[in-house]
């Protein structure tokens, strides 16, 4: 849940409209309809998607008050729960409470991906494709600690990226040059 979703319900009591991410995406995609697109070729289209929040002069103060009220209610519920828990312990004993406690399971899987090597191969390939045959030429202009390499794609997560390049053959000296 987004931080803005907590206050959305109470914010709508002030006469404004809030949109979920799906609703906003639907509104934006609606503006891309071919009929509307053809209209924008002739004249600009004004789409006010702020839900009327621009008419609230003190929106920041209102949301702060709403959040404070929600935190007060949360603190009250937490105090009531702790009081009920103490009553239960007194009435039934400490051992009875242990039956009702949940156990937090911490994942212990150690996923390890060999991405530093993949990043080095991608960097070496990018340097070679840009015409830099000797990576040490870059040392004249920058220190290696100031160099950043980001490997990303729109084809999936890191496992997909690793799977795409797992069968790629690379000369052994490319990694040594980096």
N, C-alpha and C. Protein backbone atom coordinates (compact mmCIF):
# COMPACT_ATOMS: atom_id res chain seq x y z
N UNK A 1 0.84 -1.17 0.00
CA UNK A 1 0.00 0.00 0.00
C UNK A 1 0.89 1.24 0.00
N UNK A 2 0.54 2.15 -0.81
CA UNK A 2 1.30 3.39 -0.93
C UNK A 2 1.00 4.29 0.27
N UNK A 3 1.93 5.20 0.56
CA UNK A 3 1.73 6.10 1.69
C UNK A 3 0.54 7.02 1.46
N UNK A 4 0.24 7.36 0.21
CA UNK A 4 -0.90 8.23 -0.08
C UNK A 4 -2.23 7.53 0.06
N UNK A 5 -2.25 6.20 -0.03
CA UNK A 5 -3.50 5.46 0.05
C UNK A 5 -4.11 5.51 1.44
N UNK A 6 -3.33 5.75 2.47
CA UNK A 6 -3.84 5.77 3.83
C UNK A 6 -4.78 6.95 4.01
N UNK A 7 -4.45 8.06 3.42
CA UNK A 7 -5.22 9.29 3.62
C UNK A 7 -6.27 9.50 2.54
N UNK A 8 -6.29 8.68 1.52
CA UNK A 8 -7.18 8.91 0.37
C UNK A 8 -8.65 8.93 0.79
N UNK A 9 -9.06 7.99 1.62
CA UNK A 9 -10.48 7.90 2.00
C UNK A 9 -10.93 9.17 2.72
N UNK A 10 -10.15 9.61 3.70
CA UNK A 10 -10.53 10.81 4.45
C UNK A 10 -10.33 12.08 3.64
N UNK A 11 -9.42 12.07 2.70
CA UNK A 11 -9.18 13.24 1.86
C UNK A 11 -10.36 13.48 0.92
N UNK A 12 -11.03 12.41 0.51
CA UNK A 12 -12.18 12.55 -0.37
C UNK A 12 -13.36 13.21 0.34
N UNK A 13 -13.35 13.22 1.67
CA UNK A 13 -14.39 13.92 2.42
C UNK A 13 -14.32 15.43 2.21
N UNK A 14 -13.21 15.93 1.72
CA UNK A 14 -13.05 17.36 1.45
C UNK A 14 -13.52 17.72 0.04
N UNK A 15 -14.12 16.77 -0.67
CA UNK A 15 -14.67 17.05 -1.98
C UNK A 15 -13.71 16.87 -3.14
N UNK A 16 -12.58 16.22 -2.91
CA UNK A 16 -11.63 15.97 -3.99
C UNK A 16 -11.73 14.51 -4.40
N UNK A 17 -11.18 14.20 -5.53
CA UNK A 17 -11.20 12.84 -6.06
C UNK A 17 -9.77 12.31 -6.05
N UNK A 18 -9.58 11.12 -5.50
CA UNK A 18 -8.26 10.49 -5.54
C UNK A 18 -8.33 9.32 -6.52
N UNK A 19 -7.22 9.04 -7.15
CA UNK A 19 -7.15 7.98 -8.14
C UNK A 19 -6.14 6.93 -7.70
N UNK A 20 -6.50 5.67 -7.92
CA UNK A 20 -5.51 4.61 -7.72
C UNK A 20 -4.57 4.63 -8.92
N UNK A 21 -3.51 3.86 -8.84
CA UNK A 21 -2.55 3.81 -9.95
C UNK A 21 -3.23 3.26 -11.21
N UNK A 22 -4.10 2.26 -11.04
CA UNK A 22 -4.79 1.68 -12.19
C UNK A 22 -5.75 2.69 -12.81
N UNK A 23 -6.47 3.42 -11.96
CA UNK A 23 -7.39 4.43 -12.49
C UNK A 23 -6.65 5.53 -13.25
N UNK A 24 -5.53 5.97 -12.70
CA UNK A 24 -4.76 7.01 -13.37
C UNK A 24 -4.19 6.50 -14.69
N UNK A 25 -3.73 5.26 -14.70
CA UNK A 25 -3.23 4.67 -15.95
C UNK A 25 -4.36 4.60 -16.98
N UNK A 26 -5.55 4.23 -16.54
CA UNK A 26 -6.70 4.18 -17.45
C UNK A 26 -7.00 5.56 -18.02
N UNK A 27 -6.96 6.59 -17.16
CA UNK A 27 -7.22 7.96 -17.62
C UNK A 27 -6.17 8.41 -18.64
N UNK A 28 -4.92 8.11 -18.37
CA UNK A 28 -3.85 8.53 -19.29
C UNK A 28 -3.95 7.77 -20.61
N UNK A 29 -4.24 6.47 -20.53
CA UNK A 29 -4.40 5.70 -21.76
C UNK A 29 -5.61 6.18 -22.55
N UNK A 30 -6.67 6.61 -21.83
CA UNK A 30 -7.84 7.17 -22.51
C UNK A 30 -7.49 8.40 -23.31
N UNK A 31 -6.54 9.19 -22.79
CA UNK A 31 -6.11 10.38 -23.52
C UNK A 31 -5.32 10.04 -24.78
N UNK A 32 -4.84 8.79 -24.87
CA UNK A 32 -4.08 8.38 -26.04
C UNK A 32 -4.96 7.73 -27.10
N UNK A 33 -6.28 7.76 -26.90
CA UNK A 33 -7.20 7.19 -27.88
C UNK A 33 -7.03 7.90 -29.22
N UNK A 34 -7.14 7.18 -30.33
CA UNK A 34 -6.94 7.81 -31.64
C UNK A 34 -7.83 9.03 -31.90
N UNK A 35 -9.05 9.01 -31.39
CA UNK A 35 -9.94 10.16 -31.58
C UNK A 35 -9.38 11.39 -30.89
N UNK A 36 -8.96 11.21 -29.63
CA UNK A 36 -8.37 12.34 -28.90
C UNK A 36 -7.03 12.74 -29.49
N UNK A 37 -6.28 11.75 -29.98
CA UNK A 37 -4.98 12.06 -30.59
C UNK A 37 -5.17 12.93 -31.82
N UNK A 38 -6.21 12.63 -32.63
CA UNK A 38 -6.46 13.44 -33.82
C UNK A 38 -6.88 14.86 -33.45
N UNK A 39 -7.57 15.02 -32.33
CA UNK A 39 -7.95 16.37 -31.87
C UNK A 39 -6.71 17.15 -31.47
N UNK A 40 -5.76 16.48 -30.83
CA UNK A 40 -4.54 17.18 -30.39
C UNK A 40 -3.67 17.61 -31.55
N UNK A 41 -3.89 17.04 -32.72
CA UNK A 41 -3.13 17.49 -33.89
C UNK A 41 -3.59 18.86 -34.36
N UNK A 42 -4.83 19.23 -34.00
CA UNK A 42 -5.39 20.51 -34.42
C UNK A 42 -5.23 21.56 -33.33
N UNK A 43 -5.53 21.18 -32.10
CA UNK A 43 -5.43 22.11 -30.98
C UNK A 43 -5.01 21.37 -29.72
N UNK A 44 -4.44 22.08 -28.76
CA UNK A 44 -4.01 21.41 -27.53
C UNK A 44 -5.22 20.90 -26.73
N UNK A 45 -5.00 19.86 -25.98
CA UNK A 45 -6.04 19.26 -25.16
C UNK A 45 -5.69 19.49 -23.70
N UNK A 46 -6.62 20.04 -22.93
CA UNK A 46 -6.39 20.29 -21.51
C UNK A 46 -7.04 19.16 -20.73
N UNK A 47 -6.25 18.38 -20.01
CA UNK A 47 -6.76 17.28 -19.19
C UNK A 47 -6.35 17.55 -17.75
N UNK A 48 -7.32 17.84 -16.92
CA UNK A 48 -7.05 18.13 -15.51
C UNK A 48 -7.27 16.85 -14.72
N UNK A 49 -6.20 16.16 -14.37
CA UNK A 49 -6.28 14.88 -13.68
C UNK A 49 -5.91 14.99 -12.20
N UNK A 50 -6.02 16.21 -11.63
CA UNK A 50 -5.62 16.35 -10.23
C UNK A 50 -6.76 16.08 -9.26
N UNK A 51 -7.95 15.80 -9.76
CA UNK A 51 -9.07 15.42 -8.89
C UNK A 51 -9.60 16.56 -8.04
N UNK A 52 -9.25 17.79 -8.36
CA UNK A 52 -9.72 18.94 -7.59
C UNK A 52 -8.82 19.30 -6.43
N UNK A 53 -7.68 18.66 -6.31
CA UNK A 53 -6.78 18.95 -5.19
C UNK A 53 -6.15 20.33 -5.32
N UNK A 54 -6.13 20.88 -6.52
CA UNK A 54 -5.57 22.22 -6.70
C UNK A 54 -6.44 23.28 -6.04
N UNK A 55 -7.71 22.96 -5.78
CA UNK A 55 -8.61 23.93 -5.14
C UNK A 55 -8.46 23.96 -3.63
N UNK A 56 -7.74 23.00 -3.06
CA UNK A 56 -7.52 23.01 -1.60
C UNK A 56 -6.27 23.84 -1.31
N UNK A 57 -6.44 24.98 -0.66
CA UNK A 57 -5.27 25.84 -0.43
C UNK A 57 -4.29 25.27 0.58
N UNK A 58 -4.76 24.42 1.49
CA UNK A 58 -3.89 23.89 2.54
C UNK A 58 -3.85 22.37 2.50
N UNK A 59 -3.60 21.81 1.33
CA UNK A 59 -3.59 20.36 1.14
C UNK A 59 -2.54 19.70 2.04
N UNK A 60 -1.39 20.32 2.15
CA UNK A 60 -0.33 19.76 2.99
C UNK A 60 -0.76 19.66 4.46
N UNK A 61 -1.40 20.73 4.96
CA UNK A 61 -1.87 20.72 6.35
C UNK A 61 -2.97 19.68 6.56
N UNK A 62 -3.85 19.57 5.58
CA UNK A 62 -4.95 18.60 5.69
C UNK A 62 -4.41 17.19 5.76
N UNK A 63 -3.49 16.83 4.85
CA UNK A 63 -2.94 15.48 4.86
C UNK A 63 -2.14 15.21 6.13
N UNK A 64 -1.45 16.24 6.63
CA UNK A 64 -0.70 16.07 7.89
C UNK A 64 -1.66 15.78 9.03
N UNK A 65 -2.78 16.51 9.10
CA UNK A 65 -3.77 16.28 10.16
C UNK A 65 -4.39 14.89 10.03
N UNK A 66 -4.70 14.49 8.81
CA UNK A 66 -5.29 13.16 8.60
C UNK A 66 -4.32 12.07 9.04
N UNK A 67 -3.04 12.21 8.66
CA UNK A 67 -2.04 11.22 9.08
C UNK A 67 -1.88 11.19 10.61
N UNK A 68 -1.89 12.36 11.23
CA UNK A 68 -1.77 12.42 12.70
C UNK A 68 -2.95 11.71 13.36
N UNK A 69 -4.16 11.92 12.84
CA UNK A 69 -5.33 11.25 13.40
C UNK A 69 -5.24 9.74 13.22
N UNK A 70 -4.77 9.31 12.05
CA UNK A 70 -4.62 7.87 11.80
C UNK A 70 -3.59 7.27 12.76
N UNK A 71 -2.49 7.98 13.00
CA UNK A 71 -1.47 7.48 13.93
C UNK A 71 -2.00 7.45 15.36
N UNK A 72 -2.83 8.42 15.73
CA UNK A 72 -3.43 8.40 17.08
C UNK A 72 -4.33 7.18 17.24
N UNK A 73 -5.15 6.90 16.21
CA UNK A 73 -6.03 5.73 16.27
C UNK A 73 -5.20 4.45 16.35
N UNK A 74 -4.12 4.41 15.58
CA UNK A 74 -3.25 3.23 15.59
C UNK A 74 -2.62 3.03 16.96
N UNK A 75 -2.14 4.12 17.56
CA UNK A 75 -1.54 4.02 18.89
C UNK A 75 -2.56 3.55 19.92
N UNK A 76 -3.81 4.04 19.81
CA UNK A 76 -4.86 3.62 20.73
C UNK A 76 -5.15 2.13 20.57
N UNK A 77 -5.26 1.67 19.33
CA UNK A 77 -5.50 0.24 19.09
C UNK A 77 -4.35 -0.62 19.60
N UNK A 78 -3.12 -0.13 19.42
CA UNK A 78 -1.95 -0.86 19.91
C UNK A 78 -1.97 -0.95 21.43
N UNK A 79 -2.35 0.15 22.10
CA UNK A 79 -2.42 0.15 23.57
C UNK A 79 -3.51 -0.80 24.06
N UNK A 80 -4.66 -0.82 23.39
CA UNK A 80 -5.74 -1.73 23.77
C UNK A 80 -5.31 -3.17 23.59
N UNK A 81 -4.61 -3.45 22.50
CA UNK A 81 -4.13 -4.81 22.26
C UNK A 81 -3.13 -5.25 23.32
N UNK A 82 -2.23 -4.36 23.70
CA UNK A 82 -1.25 -4.68 24.75
C UNK A 82 -1.96 -4.91 26.09
N UNK A 83 -2.98 -4.12 26.37
CA UNK A 83 -3.73 -4.29 27.61
C UNK A 83 -4.47 -5.63 27.61
N UNK A 84 -5.09 -5.96 26.47
CA UNK A 84 -5.77 -7.25 26.38
C UNK A 84 -4.79 -8.41 26.52
N UNK A 85 -3.60 -8.23 25.96
CA UNK A 85 -2.58 -9.26 26.07
C UNK A 85 -2.14 -9.45 27.52
N UNK A 86 -1.99 -8.35 28.23
CA UNK A 86 -1.61 -8.43 29.65
C UNK A 86 -2.72 -9.12 30.45
N UNK A 87 -3.98 -8.78 30.15
CA UNK A 87 -5.09 -9.42 30.85
C UNK A 87 -5.10 -10.93 30.58
N UNK A 88 -4.85 -11.30 29.32
CA UNK A 88 -4.84 -12.72 28.95
C UNK A 88 -3.75 -13.46 29.70
N UNK A 89 -2.57 -12.80 29.81
CA UNK A 89 -1.46 -13.43 30.54
C UNK A 89 -1.80 -13.64 32.01
N UNK A 90 -2.45 -12.66 32.60
CA UNK A 90 -2.79 -12.77 34.02
C UNK A 90 -3.84 -13.86 34.23
N UNK A 91 -4.82 -13.93 33.34
CA UNK A 91 -5.92 -14.88 33.51
C UNK A 91 -5.50 -16.32 33.17
N UNK A 92 -4.69 -16.49 32.13
CA UNK A 92 -4.41 -17.84 31.63
C UNK A 92 -2.97 -18.28 31.80
N UNK A 93 -2.10 -17.41 32.23
CA UNK A 93 -0.71 -17.76 32.39
C UNK A 93 0.12 -17.44 31.16
N UNK A 94 1.42 -17.34 31.39
CA UNK A 94 2.33 -16.96 30.32
C UNK A 94 2.42 -18.05 29.25
N UNK A 95 2.34 -19.29 29.67
CA UNK A 95 2.47 -20.41 28.73
C UNK A 95 1.30 -20.47 27.75
N UNK A 96 0.11 -20.03 28.16
CA UNK A 96 -1.05 -20.07 27.27
C UNK A 96 -0.88 -19.06 26.14
N UNK A 97 -0.21 -17.96 26.42
CA UNK A 97 -0.01 -16.94 25.40
C UNK A 97 0.92 -17.44 24.29
N UNK A 98 1.83 -18.32 24.64
CA UNK A 98 2.79 -18.83 23.67
C UNK A 98 2.09 -19.56 22.52
N UNK A 99 0.94 -20.19 22.80
CA UNK A 99 0.19 -20.89 21.76
C UNK A 99 -0.36 -19.93 20.71
N UNK A 100 -0.62 -18.68 21.09
CA UNK A 100 -1.22 -17.72 20.18
C UNK A 100 -0.19 -16.88 19.43
N UNK A 101 1.07 -16.99 19.79
CA UNK A 101 2.10 -16.19 19.14
C UNK A 101 2.44 -16.75 17.77
N UNK A 102 2.70 -15.86 16.85
CA UNK A 102 3.11 -16.28 15.52
C UNK A 102 4.63 -16.28 15.45
N UNK A 103 5.16 -17.10 14.60
CA UNK A 103 6.59 -17.21 14.43
C UNK A 103 6.96 -16.53 13.12
N UNK A 104 7.89 -15.61 13.18
CA UNK A 104 8.37 -14.97 11.97
C UNK A 104 9.42 -15.86 11.33
N UNK A 105 9.19 -16.25 10.09
CA UNK A 105 10.12 -17.10 9.37
C UNK A 105 11.02 -16.20 8.54
N UNK A 106 12.29 -16.27 8.81
CA UNK A 106 13.26 -15.48 8.07
C UNK A 106 13.80 -16.31 6.93
N UNK A 107 13.66 -15.81 5.69
CA UNK A 107 14.20 -16.60 4.58
C UNK A 107 15.71 -16.74 4.68
N UNK A 108 16.19 -17.96 4.51
CA UNK A 108 17.63 -18.20 4.64
C UNK A 108 18.27 -18.63 3.34
N UNK A 109 17.53 -18.50 2.25
CA UNK A 109 18.11 -18.87 0.96
C UNK A 109 19.18 -17.86 0.61
N UNK A 110 20.28 -18.35 0.16
CA UNK A 110 21.39 -17.47 -0.20
C UNK A 110 21.52 -17.46 -1.72
N UNK A 111 20.79 -16.55 -2.35
CA UNK A 111 20.88 -16.45 -3.80
C UNK A 111 22.17 -15.74 -4.15
N UNK A 112 22.89 -16.32 -5.07
CA UNK A 112 24.15 -15.72 -5.47
C UNK A 112 24.21 -15.70 -6.99
N UNK A 113 24.38 -14.53 -7.53
CA UNK A 113 24.46 -14.37 -8.97
C UNK A 113 25.83 -13.81 -9.30
N UNK A 114 26.40 -14.34 -10.32
CA UNK A 114 27.73 -13.91 -10.74
C UNK A 114 27.64 -12.71 -11.66
N UNK A 115 27.12 -11.60 -11.15
CA UNK A 115 26.94 -10.44 -11.99
C UNK A 115 28.15 -9.53 -12.13
N UNK A 116 29.08 -9.51 -11.18
CA UNK A 116 30.25 -8.67 -11.44
C UNK A 116 30.96 -9.08 -12.72
N UNK A 117 31.05 -10.38 -12.98
CA UNK A 117 31.70 -10.83 -14.21
C UNK A 117 30.88 -10.41 -15.42
N UNK A 118 29.55 -10.53 -15.31
CA UNK A 118 28.68 -10.12 -16.41
C UNK A 118 28.79 -8.62 -16.66
N UNK A 119 28.85 -7.84 -15.60
CA UNK A 119 28.99 -6.39 -15.75
C UNK A 119 30.32 -6.04 -16.40
N UNK A 120 31.38 -6.75 -16.02
CA UNK A 120 32.68 -6.49 -16.63
C UNK A 120 32.69 -6.85 -18.11
N UNK A 121 32.06 -7.97 -18.45
CA UNK A 121 31.99 -8.37 -19.85
C UNK A 121 31.21 -7.33 -20.65
N UNK A 122 30.07 -6.86 -20.10
CA UNK A 122 29.27 -5.85 -20.80
C UNK A 122 30.04 -4.55 -20.95
N UNK A 123 30.78 -4.17 -19.92
CA UNK A 123 31.57 -2.94 -19.99
C UNK A 123 32.67 -3.07 -21.04
N UNK A 124 33.36 -4.21 -21.02
CA UNK A 124 34.42 -4.42 -22.01
C UNK A 124 33.85 -4.41 -23.42
N UNK A 125 32.70 -5.04 -23.60
CA UNK A 125 32.07 -5.07 -24.91
C UNK A 125 31.66 -3.66 -25.35
N UNK A 126 31.12 -2.87 -24.42
CA UNK A 126 30.72 -1.50 -24.76
C UNK A 126 31.94 -0.66 -25.12
N UNK A 127 33.03 -0.83 -24.39
CA UNK A 127 34.24 -0.07 -24.70
C UNK A 127 34.79 -0.44 -26.08
N UNK A 128 34.81 -1.73 -26.37
CA UNK A 128 35.33 -2.18 -27.66
C UNK A 128 34.43 -1.69 -28.79
N UNK A 129 33.12 -1.73 -28.58
CA UNK A 129 32.19 -1.27 -29.62
C UNK A 129 32.29 0.24 -29.83
N UNK A 130 32.71 0.98 -28.80
CA UNK A 130 32.84 2.43 -28.96
C UNK A 130 34.20 2.83 -29.53
N UNK A 131 35.06 1.85 -29.78
CA UNK A 131 36.33 2.14 -30.41
C UNK A 131 37.50 2.21 -29.44
N UNK A 132 37.27 1.98 -28.18
CA UNK A 132 38.36 2.01 -27.19
C UNK A 132 38.89 0.59 -27.08
N UNK A 133 40.07 0.37 -27.62
CA UNK A 133 40.64 -0.98 -27.58
C UNK A 133 41.48 -1.20 -26.33
N UNK A 134 41.97 -0.12 -25.75
CA UNK A 134 42.77 -0.23 -24.55
C UNK A 134 42.05 0.52 -23.42
N UNK A 135 41.41 -0.20 -22.49
CA UNK A 135 40.66 0.47 -21.43
C UNK A 135 41.54 1.37 -20.55
N UNK A 136 42.85 1.13 -20.55
CA UNK A 136 43.72 1.96 -19.72
C UNK A 136 43.81 3.39 -20.24
N UNK A 137 43.34 3.62 -21.48
CA UNK A 137 43.29 4.99 -22.00
C UNK A 137 42.37 5.86 -21.15
N UNK A 138 41.36 5.24 -20.55
CA UNK A 138 40.40 6.00 -19.74
C UNK A 138 41.04 6.52 -18.45
N UNK A 139 42.09 5.86 -17.98
CA UNK A 139 42.72 6.28 -16.73
C UNK A 139 43.32 7.67 -16.82
N UNK A 140 43.60 8.13 -18.03
CA UNK A 140 44.12 9.49 -18.19
C UNK A 140 43.05 10.52 -17.83
N UNK A 141 41.78 10.15 -18.02
CA UNK A 141 40.69 11.11 -17.86
C UNK A 141 39.89 10.92 -16.57
N UNK A 142 39.89 9.71 -16.00
CA UNK A 142 39.12 9.48 -14.78
C UNK A 142 39.74 8.35 -13.98
N UNK A 143 39.44 8.35 -12.70
CA UNK A 143 39.90 7.29 -11.82
C UNK A 143 38.87 6.15 -11.88
N UNK A 144 39.29 4.89 -11.85
CA UNK A 144 38.33 3.79 -11.94
C UNK A 144 37.27 3.79 -10.85
N UNK A 145 37.57 4.37 -9.69
CA UNK A 145 36.57 4.39 -8.62
C UNK A 145 35.41 5.33 -8.94
N UNK A 146 35.59 6.21 -9.92
CA UNK A 146 34.51 7.14 -10.31
C UNK A 146 33.67 6.59 -11.46
N UNK A 147 33.97 5.39 -11.91
CA UNK A 147 33.27 4.80 -13.03
C UNK A 147 32.12 3.94 -12.51
N UNK A 148 30.95 4.11 -13.08
CA UNK A 148 29.78 3.34 -12.68
C UNK A 148 29.27 2.58 -13.89
N UNK A 149 28.86 1.35 -13.66
CA UNK A 149 28.31 0.54 -14.74
C UNK A 149 26.96 0.02 -14.29
N UNK A 150 25.94 0.29 -15.06
CA UNK A 150 24.60 -0.21 -14.78
C UNK A 150 24.18 -1.13 -15.91
N UNK A 151 23.82 -2.34 -15.54
CA UNK A 151 23.36 -3.30 -16.54
C UNK A 151 21.88 -3.50 -16.31
N UNK A 152 21.08 -3.23 -17.31
CA UNK A 152 19.65 -3.42 -17.19
C UNK A 152 19.04 -3.66 -18.54
N UNK A 153 17.85 -4.19 -18.52
CA UNK A 153 17.15 -4.42 -19.78
C UNK A 153 15.67 -4.41 -19.50
N UNK A 154 14.89 -4.31 -20.51
CA UNK A 154 13.46 -4.39 -20.38
C UNK A 154 12.97 -5.79 -20.63
N UNK A 155 13.86 -6.76 -20.59
CA UNK A 155 13.50 -8.13 -20.95
C UNK A 155 13.27 -9.00 -19.73
N UNK A 156 13.19 -8.43 -18.56
CA UNK A 156 12.96 -9.25 -17.39
C UNK A 156 13.92 -8.87 -16.28
N UNK A 157 13.90 -9.64 -15.22
CA UNK A 157 14.73 -9.37 -14.07
C UNK A 157 16.15 -9.83 -14.26
N UNK A 158 16.89 -9.84 -13.17
CA UNK A 158 18.30 -10.17 -13.24
C UNK A 158 18.53 -11.63 -13.62
N UNK A 159 17.62 -12.52 -13.22
CA UNK A 159 17.79 -13.92 -13.61
C UNK A 159 17.62 -14.10 -15.12
N UNK A 160 16.65 -13.37 -15.71
CA UNK A 160 16.45 -13.45 -17.15
C UNK A 160 17.68 -12.94 -17.88
N UNK A 161 18.23 -11.83 -17.38
CA UNK A 161 19.41 -11.24 -18.01
C UNK A 161 20.59 -12.20 -17.95
N UNK A 162 20.77 -12.85 -16.81
CA UNK A 162 21.87 -13.80 -16.66
C UNK A 162 21.65 -15.00 -17.58
N UNK A 163 20.40 -15.44 -17.72
CA UNK A 163 20.11 -16.57 -18.58
C UNK A 163 20.36 -16.28 -20.05
N UNK A 164 20.13 -15.03 -20.46
CA UNK A 164 20.34 -14.68 -21.85
C UNK A 164 21.82 -14.72 -22.23
N UNK A 165 22.69 -14.39 -21.28
CA UNK A 165 24.11 -14.29 -21.58
C UNK A 165 24.91 -15.48 -21.05
N UNK A 166 24.24 -16.52 -20.55
CA UNK A 166 24.98 -17.64 -19.94
C UNK A 166 25.76 -18.45 -20.98
N UNK A 167 25.27 -18.51 -22.22
CA UNK A 167 25.95 -19.31 -23.22
C UNK A 167 26.92 -18.50 -24.07
N UNK A 168 27.11 -17.24 -23.75
CA UNK A 168 27.97 -16.36 -24.55
C UNK A 168 29.44 -16.68 -24.30
N UNK A 169 30.18 -16.81 -25.36
CA UNK A 169 31.61 -17.08 -25.26
C UNK A 169 32.37 -15.77 -25.24
N UNK A 170 33.27 -15.63 -24.28
CA UNK A 170 34.05 -14.41 -24.13
C UNK A 170 35.51 -14.79 -24.06
N UNK A 171 36.35 -13.99 -24.71
CA UNK A 171 37.78 -14.25 -24.63
C UNK A 171 38.24 -14.08 -23.20
N UNK A 172 39.11 -14.92 -22.75
CA UNK A 172 39.52 -14.87 -21.36
C UNK A 172 40.29 -13.60 -21.02
N UNK A 173 40.92 -12.98 -21.99
CA UNK A 173 41.73 -11.80 -21.67
C UNK A 173 40.88 -10.52 -21.54
N UNK A 174 39.62 -10.55 -21.96
CA UNK A 174 38.78 -9.35 -21.81
C UNK A 174 38.59 -9.03 -20.35
N UNK A 175 38.33 -10.04 -19.54
CA UNK A 175 38.14 -9.78 -18.11
C UNK A 175 39.44 -9.34 -17.44
N UNK A 176 40.55 -9.82 -17.93
CA UNK A 176 41.83 -9.45 -17.32
C UNK A 176 42.19 -8.01 -17.63
N UNK A 177 41.73 -7.50 -18.78
CA UNK A 177 42.04 -6.11 -19.12
C UNK A 177 41.30 -5.14 -18.23
N UNK A 178 40.14 -5.52 -17.75
CA UNK A 178 39.34 -4.61 -16.93
C UNK A 178 39.88 -4.60 -15.57
